[in-house]
Amino acid sequence: MTAAPSVTAIIDDARWLAHRYDPGHDAFHFRRVTRAVRSDVPFLTDLHLGEEKSPFVLGRADCREALSAAPAPLHFLFHSAYCASTMLVQALDRPGSSTSLSEPVLLNDMVGWRRRGANSRDHARVMDDALAMLGRGFGPGEAVIVKPSNIFNPLARGALTLRPQARAILLYAPLRQFLLSVARKGMWCRLWCRELLEGYLADGFVQLGFEARDYFRQSDLQVAAIGWLAQQQVFAALLAWAPGRIASLDSEMLTLDPVAAVTAAMDHLRLTGDRATIAGHPALGRNSKSGAPFTMGERQRDLAIAEAAYGEEIAQVVGWAEAVAGQAGIPLTLSGPLLTR
């Protein structure tokens, strides 16, 4: 039998992913996830990594004490769903320059703990340590790019406040394209949009002037639009709060010219690395969810099919959502774009 690794050995090795937080024992759970595995799965969840039955459980204070290396530059990719965020974060995984984390469950735990009533000061201290655990690069000077799940968006400003040197990209799909994606993905996606809104309401994240009973009278696509508007509202506020640190990116610009978008993202995040090799990154040539070969224009063709099937309903919802956005002062196109048409 081999000896269990020490706390220091785990903390010094980025292959040990900080996967969960247990507030009852004030401990982080670690599981070993190599860089190759991270690049092969769309999300760092048990569904894609497989269940870890024997994680290493380390007290938070011990983890913090074991941090010996200088912290890696840490940056964020916040997104509002169905906007090719997984492709972008995978394309930013470039050995020697940066490594990426796609929707780590640890940050979902931060959301869940807050919703269950965590004390705000305790939550901030744990969040600080959680970001430190995630921000362990594979090599000296290698930055870490974290793409949280969009359930984390209510905590985005807090995370950026804890990391004043961090920069961020706000990636979003235009409203119509977002709704087309929701419609074509079917019932389970529509239910997910309702679940997302339920969480956002619990977070106090939705400030659009509706009463609670109003949501029961709205169609699935109206509910999806409300979630999009809530995120767009907060993204606009983030850009106004820290315009020098934060930039926006439209998913259609990303998918129409992914090389230019990745180049602009690297420049904004101040990442090192040869820009000439971006076009050959495997993330740009495959479906980020299934891993199947991806062809240029595939996303646009999928949306065109959805347009033919659901266009009339979506046109009505878009008109309604634009009126809501106008009343709430929410821009449909965000300022500070990485790329312009």
Protein backbone atom coordinates (compact mmCIF):
# COMPACT_ATOMS: atom_id res chain seq x y z
CA MET A 1 0.00 0.00 0.00
CA THR A 2 1.24 3.49 -0.84
CA ALA A 3 1.16 6.24 1.73
CA ALA A 4 -1.52 8.89 1.40
CA PRO A 5 -0.17 12.18 0.04
CA SER A 6 0.44 14.94 2.55
CA VAL A 7 -1.61 18.13 2.65
CA THR A 8 1.33 20.02 1.15
CA ALA A 9 1.75 17.46 -1.64
CA ILE A 10 -1.91 17.83 -2.61
CA ILE A 11 -1.93 21.62 -2.46
CA ASP A 12 1.30 21.87 -4.47
CA ASP A 13 -0.05 19.64 -7.24
CA ALA A 14 -2.67 21.23 -9.51
CA ARG A 15 -3.83 17.77 -10.57
CA TRP A 16 -5.63 17.64 -7.23
CA LEU A 17 -8.78 19.57 -8.03
CA ALA A 18 -10.60 21.30 -5.18
CA HIS A 19 -13.96 19.75 -5.97
CA ARG A 20 -16.37 20.34 -3.08
CA TYR A 21 -16.77 22.36 0.11
CA ASP A 22 -18.35 20.88 3.24
CA PRO A 23 -19.47 23.73 5.52
CA GLY A 24 -20.35 21.31 8.32
CA HIS A 25 -16.68 20.34 8.70
CA ASP A 26 -15.18 23.45 7.10
CA ALA A 27 -13.28 21.24 4.68
CA PHE A 28 -12.47 20.99 0.99
CA HIS A 29 -12.77 17.72 -0.91
CA PHE A 30 -10.05 17.06 -3.49
CA ARG A 31 -10.05 14.60 -6.36
CA ARG A 32 -7.26 13.91 -8.84
CA VAL A 33 -8.09 15.27 -12.30
CA THR A 34 -5.26 15.51 -14.79
CA ARG A 35 -4.96 18.28 -17.31
CA ALA A 36 -5.77 15.86 -20.12
CA VAL A 37 -9.01 14.82 -18.44
CA ARG A 38 -9.98 18.44 -17.83
CA SER A 39 -9.61 19.20 -21.52
CA ASP A 40 -11.70 16.17 -22.54
CA VAL A 41 -14.83 16.87 -20.49
CA PRO A 42 -17.19 19.82 -20.92
CA PHE A 43 -17.78 20.33 -17.19
CA LEU A 44 -15.89 19.38 -14.04
CA THR A 45 -18.88 17.62 -12.54
CA ASP A 46 -19.41 14.09 -11.27
CA LEU A 47 -21.63 13.44 -14.29
CA HIS A 48 -18.64 13.90 -16.59
CA LEU A 49 -15.75 12.94 -14.30
CA GLY A 50 -17.44 9.98 -12.67
CA GLU A 51 -18.28 9.77 -8.99
CA GLU A 52 -15.35 10.04 -6.60
CA LYS A 53 -16.13 7.75 -3.67
CA SER A 54 -12.95 8.46 -1.71
CA PRO A 55 -11.98 12.12 -2.03
CA PHE A 56 -9.20 13.55 0.09
CA VAL A 57 -10.89 15.70 2.72
CA LEU A 58 -8.69 18.50 4.04
CA GLY A 59 -9.55 21.15 6.57
CA ARG A 60 -9.77 24.62 5.08
CA ALA A 61 -7.27 26.10 7.54
CA ASP A 62 -4.76 23.36 6.70
CA CYS A 63 -5.21 24.03 2.99
CA ARG A 64 -4.63 27.72 3.43
CA GLU A 65 -1.52 27.12 5.54
CA ALA A 66 -0.09 24.69 2.97
CA LEU A 67 -0.22 27.23 0.13
CA SER A 68 3.45 27.98 -0.49
CA ALA A 69 3.70 29.04 -4.12
CA ALA A 70 2.88 32.57 -5.24
CA PRO A 71 -0.73 32.70 -6.43
CA ALA A 72 -1.26 32.28 -10.15
CA PRO A 73 -3.05 35.03 -12.07
CA LEU A 74 -6.75 34.20 -11.82
CA HIS A 75 -9.35 35.38 -14.33
CA PHE A 76 -13.02 34.66 -15.01
CA LEU A 77 -15.28 33.83 -17.91
CA PHE A 78 -18.84 34.58 -16.81
CA HIS A 79 -21.62 33.59 -19.20
CA SER A 80 -25.39 33.50 -19.57
CA ALA A 81 -25.69 30.02 -21.15
CA TYR A 82 -25.94 28.68 -24.71
CA CYS A 83 -23.21 31.00 -25.94
CA ALA A 84 -20.27 28.63 -26.73
CA SER A 85 -18.62 29.38 -23.38
CA THR A 86 -17.28 25.82 -23.07
CA MET A 87 -15.53 26.09 -26.42
CA LEU A 88 -13.94 29.38 -25.42
CA VAL A 89 -12.72 28.25 -22.01
CA GLN A 90 -11.29 25.06 -23.50
CA ALA A 91 -9.51 27.07 -26.18
CA LEU A 92 -7.89 29.13 -23.42
CA ASP A 93 -6.27 26.02 -21.96
CA ARG A 94 -2.75 26.41 -23.31
CA PRO A 95 0.12 24.69 -21.47
CA GLY A 96 2.71 27.19 -20.29
CA SER A 97 0.27 30.07 -20.64
CA SER A 98 -3.00 29.25 -18.92
CA THR A 99 -5.15 26.43 -17.68
CA SER A 100 -8.93 26.49 -17.53
CA LEU A 101 -11.63 25.17 -15.21
CA SER A 102 -15.07 24.65 -16.73
CA GLU A 103 -17.88 24.95 -14.18
CA PRO A 104 -16.13 23.56 -11.08
CA VAL A 105 -18.63 22.20 -8.56
CA LEU A 106 -16.81 23.97 -5.72
CA LEU A 107 -18.30 27.28 -6.87
CA ASN A 108 -21.76 25.72 -7.08
CA ASP A 109 -21.27 24.75 -3.44
CA MET A 110 -20.58 28.39 -2.65
CA VAL A 111 -23.92 29.28 -4.22
CA GLY A 112 -25.80 26.55 -2.39
CA TRP A 113 -24.28 27.43 0.98
CA ARG A 114 -25.20 31.09 0.54
CA ARG A 115 -28.78 30.16 -0.36
CA ARG A 116 -29.00 28.07 2.81
CA GLY A 117 -28.23 31.14 4.90
CA ALA A 118 -24.45 31.28 5.30
CA ASN A 119 -23.20 34.26 7.29
CA SER A 120 -21.92 36.83 4.79
CA ARG A 121 -18.53 37.28 6.48
CA ASP A 122 -17.97 33.56 6.82
CA HIS A 123 -19.01 33.10 3.21
CA ALA A 124 -16.54 35.74 2.01
CA ARG A 125 -13.68 34.09 3.92
CA VAL A 126 -14.47 30.66 2.50
CA MET A 127 -14.93 32.09 -0.99
CA ASP A 128 -11.48 33.65 -0.74
CA ASP A 129 -9.98 30.27 0.13
CA ALA A 130 -12.05 28.48 -2.51
CA LEU A 131 -10.66 30.81 -5.18
CA ALA A 132 -7.16 30.20 -3.84
CA MET A 133 -7.68 26.44 -4.15
CA LEU A 134 -8.97 26.77 -7.71
CA GLY A 135 -6.23 29.22 -8.64
CA ARG A 136 -3.38 26.70 -8.55
CA GLY A 137 -1.74 26.59 -11.97
CA PHE A 138 0.26 23.73 -13.42
CA GLY A 139 3.44 25.72 -13.85
CA PRO A 140 5.14 28.95 -12.79
CA GLY A 141 3.38 31.97 -14.23
CA GLU A 142 0.57 29.93 -15.73
CA ALA A 143 -2.74 31.74 -15.32
CA VAL A 144 -5.98 30.04 -14.31
CA ILE A 145 -9.21 30.84 -16.19
CA VAL A 146 -12.35 29.88 -14.28
CA LYS A 147 -15.68 29.57 -16.07
CA PRO A 148 -18.30 29.18 -13.34
CA SER A 149 -21.77 27.85 -14.00
CA ASN A 150 -24.16 30.71 -14.65
CA ILE A 151 -25.87 30.00 -11.31
CA PHE A 152 -22.76 31.71 -9.89
CA ASN A 153 -23.47 35.03 -11.64
CA PRO A 154 -25.07 36.61 -8.53
CA LEU A 155 -21.67 36.16 -6.83
CA ALA A 156 -19.56 37.43 -9.74
CA ARG A 157 -18.98 40.91 -8.33
CA GLY A 158 -18.01 39.47 -4.95
CA ALA A 159 -15.46 37.15 -6.56
CA LEU A 160 -13.97 40.03 -8.55
CA THR A 161 -13.79 42.12 -5.39
CA LEU A 162 -11.87 39.35 -3.63
CA ARG A 163 -9.45 39.20 -6.58
CA PRO A 164 -8.79 42.85 -7.56
CA GLN A 165 -6.16 41.80 -10.11
CA ALA A 166 -8.53 39.43 -11.87
CA ARG A 167 -9.94 40.30 -15.26
CA ALA A 168 -13.15 38.96 -16.72
CA ILE A 169 -15.04 38.33 -19.94
CA LEU A 170 -18.84 38.41 -20.01
CA LEU A 171 -20.00 36.06 -22.75
CA TYR A 172 -23.62 36.12 -23.85
CA ALA A 173 -25.83 35.05 -26.72
CA PRO A 174 -28.09 37.73 -28.23
CA LEU A 175 -31.65 37.38 -26.93
CA ARG A 176 -33.15 35.85 -30.06
CA GLN A 177 -30.33 33.31 -30.46
CA PHE A 178 -30.59 32.41 -26.78
CA LEU A 179 -34.31 31.73 -27.08
CA LEU A 180 -33.78 29.71 -30.26
CA SER A 181 -31.29 27.53 -28.38
CA VAL A 182 -33.74 27.00 -25.52
CA ALA A 183 -36.59 26.14 -27.90
CA ARG A 184 -34.65 23.63 -29.96
CA LYS A 185 -33.29 21.83 -26.88
CA GLY A 186 -36.78 20.87 -25.81
CA MET A 187 -38.66 20.26 -22.58
CA TRP A 188 -35.72 19.59 -20.28
CA CYS A 189 -34.06 22.82 -21.27
CA ARG A 190 -37.27 24.74 -20.66
CA LEU A 191 -37.52 23.16 -17.22
CA TRP A 192 -33.89 24.10 -16.55
CA CYS A 193 -34.73 27.73 -17.36
CA ARG A 194 -37.47 27.63 -14.74
CA GLU A 195 -35.07 26.10 -12.21
CA LEU A 196 -32.52 28.80 -12.98
CA LEU A 197 -35.11 31.53 -12.44
CA GLU A 198 -36.21 29.90 -9.18
CA GLY A 199 -32.62 30.13 -7.91
CA TYR A 200 -32.17 33.68 -9.13
CA LEU A 201 -35.34 34.74 -7.33
CA ALA A 202 -34.01 33.18 -4.12
CA ASP A 203 -30.78 35.13 -4.63
CA GLY A 204 -32.64 38.43 -5.05
CA PHE A 205 -31.02 38.58 -8.48
CA VAL A 206 -34.13 39.54 -10.49
CA GLN A 207 -35.01 43.22 -10.39
CA LEU A 208 -37.51 43.64 -13.20
CA GLY A 209 -40.63 44.82 -11.40
CA PHE A 210 -42.62 41.59 -11.54
CA GLU A 211 -44.56 40.12 -8.63
CA ALA A 212 -43.97 36.50 -7.68
CA ARG A 213 -47.35 35.39 -9.06
CA ASP A 214 -46.52 36.89 -12.48
CA TYR A 215 -44.02 34.12 -13.26
CA PHE A 216 -46.77 31.48 -13.09
CA ARG A 217 -48.56 33.26 -15.91
CA GLN A 218 -45.55 33.34 -18.22
CA SER A 219 -44.72 30.82 -20.92
CA ASP A 220 -41.53 28.76 -20.85
CA LEU A 221 -39.82 31.10 -23.30
CA GLN A 222 -40.90 34.17 -21.33
CA VAL A 223 -39.33 32.62 -18.22
CA ALA A 224 -36.16 31.93 -20.22
CA ALA A 225 -36.16 35.56 -21.37
CA ILE A 226 -36.53 36.78 -17.78
CA GLY A 227 -33.42 34.79 -16.80
CA TRP A 228 -31.54 36.26 -19.75
CA LEU A 229 -32.64 39.81 -18.88
CA ALA A 230 -31.61 39.41 -15.23
CA GLN A 231 -28.14 38.31 -16.28
CA GLN A 232 -27.87 41.03 -18.90
CA GLN A 233 -28.83 43.63 -16.30
CA VAL A 234 -26.09 42.49 -13.93
CA PHE A 235 -23.52 42.16 -16.72
CA ALA A 236 -24.19 45.76 -17.73
CA ALA A 237 -23.71 46.85 -14.12
CA LEU A 238 -20.43 44.93 -13.90
CA LEU A 239 -19.13 46.65 -17.04
CA ALA A 240 -20.01 50.05 -15.58
CA TRP A 241 -18.38 49.12 -12.27
CA ALA A 242 -15.01 47.98 -13.63
CA PRO A 243 -14.78 48.74 -17.37
CA GLY A 244 -11.00 48.42 -17.44
CA ARG A 245 -11.05 44.88 -16.06
CA ILE A 246 -14.13 43.52 -17.79
CA ALA A 247 -15.02 43.08 -21.45
CA SER A 248 -18.05 41.60 -23.19
CA LEU A 249 -18.28 39.11 -26.02
CA ASP A 250 -21.24 38.25 -28.23
CA SER A 251 -21.53 34.52 -28.96
CA GLU A 252 -22.21 35.18 -32.63
CA MET A 253 -18.91 37.04 -32.95
CA LEU A 254 -17.19 34.16 -31.17
CA THR A 255 -18.57 31.45 -33.41
CA LEU A 256 -18.24 33.39 -36.66
CA ASP A 257 -14.53 34.04 -36.07
CA PRO A 258 -13.31 31.94 -33.14
CA VAL A 259 -9.62 32.60 -33.84
CA ALA A 260 -10.10 36.36 -33.65
CA ALA A 261 -12.23 35.96 -30.51
CA VAL A 262 -9.70 33.74 -28.72
CA THR A 263 -6.91 36.13 -29.71
CA ALA A 264 -8.86 39.07 -28.29
CA ALA A 265 -9.66 37.10 -25.13
CA MET A 266 -5.99 36.25 -24.59
CA ASP A 267 -5.06 39.90 -25.08
CA HIS A 268 -7.71 41.09 -22.63
CA LEU A 269 -6.71 38.51 -20.02
CA ARG A 270 -3.03 39.35 -20.63
CA LEU A 271 -2.11 35.76 -21.36
CA THR A 272 1.23 34.79 -22.80
CA GLY A 273 1.57 32.33 -25.63
CA ASP A 274 1.92 32.19 -29.40
CA ARG A 275 -1.19 33.56 -31.09
CA ALA A 276 -0.22 31.82 -34.32
CA THR A 277 -1.15 28.43 -32.84
CA ILE A 278 -4.70 29.39 -31.86
CA ALA A 279 -6.30 28.13 -35.07
CA GLY A 280 -4.95 24.63 -34.44
CA HIS A 281 -6.37 24.27 -30.93
CA PRO A 282 -8.55 21.13 -30.81
CA ALA A 283 -11.35 22.97 -28.97
CA LEU A 284 -12.10 24.98 -32.09
CA GLY A 285 -12.68 21.89 -34.21
CA ARG A 286 -15.07 19.85 -32.07
CA ASN A 287 -18.44 20.05 -30.41
CA SER A 288 -17.59 21.09 -26.86
CA LYS A 289 -20.30 18.89 -25.33
CA SER A 290 -20.11 15.69 -27.39
CA GLY A 291 -16.53 15.88 -28.69
CA ALA A 292 -17.74 15.18 -32.24
CA PRO A 293 -16.04 17.06 -35.11
CA PHE A 294 -17.42 20.57 -35.46
CA THR A 295 -17.78 22.39 -38.75
CA MET A 296 -17.92 26.12 -39.36
CA GLY A 297 -21.47 27.40 -39.49
CA GLU A 298 -22.92 24.41 -37.61
CA ARG A 299 -24.31 26.59 -34.82
CA GLN A 300 -25.92 28.96 -37.34
CA ARG A 301 -27.53 26.05 -39.19
CA ASP A 302 -28.95 24.65 -35.95
CA LEU A 303 -30.42 28.03 -35.07
CA ALA A 304 -31.93 28.36 -38.55
CA ILE A 305 -33.73 25.03 -38.08
CA ALA A 306 -35.09 26.25 -34.74
CA GLU A 307 -36.14 29.51 -36.39
CA ALA A 308 -38.23 27.61 -38.90
CA ALA A 309 -39.96 25.62 -36.14
CA TYR A 310 -40.40 28.23 -33.42
CA GLY A 311 -39.89 31.58 -35.12
CA GLU A 312 -43.42 32.95 -34.59
CA GLU A 313 -43.45 32.20 -30.83
CA ILE A 314 -39.95 33.56 -30.40
CA ALA A 315 -40.77 36.76 -32.27
CA GLN A 316 -43.62 37.40 -29.83
CA VAL A 317 -41.42 36.72 -26.78
CA VAL A 318 -38.58 38.86 -28.13
CA GLY A 319 -40.96 41.77 -28.62
CA TRP A 320 -42.26 41.36 -25.07
CA ALA A 321 -38.74 41.03 -23.60
CA GLU A 322 -37.51 44.09 -25.47
CA ALA A 323 -40.34 46.09 -23.89
CA VAL A 324 -39.38 44.79 -20.44
CA ALA A 325 -35.72 45.64 -21.13
CA GLY A 326 -36.69 49.16 -22.21
CA GLN A 327 -38.65 49.77 -19.02
CA ALA A 328 -35.81 48.43 -16.86
CA GLY A 329 -33.03 50.20 -18.79
CA ILE A 330 -31.31 46.94 -19.78
CA PRO A 331 -29.13 47.08 -22.91
CA LEU A 332 -29.69 44.26 -25.36
CA THR A 333 -26.10 44.69 -26.55
CA LEU A 334 -23.43 45.05 -23.89
CA SER A 335 -20.79 47.77 -23.91
CA GLY A 336 -17.05 47.06 -23.89
CA PRO A 337 -16.96 44.45 -26.67
CA LEU A 338 -13.81 42.44 -27.29
CA LEU A 339 -14.67 42.43 -31.00
CA THR A 340 -16.83 44.68 -33.11
CA ARG A 341 -18.63 43.78 -36.33
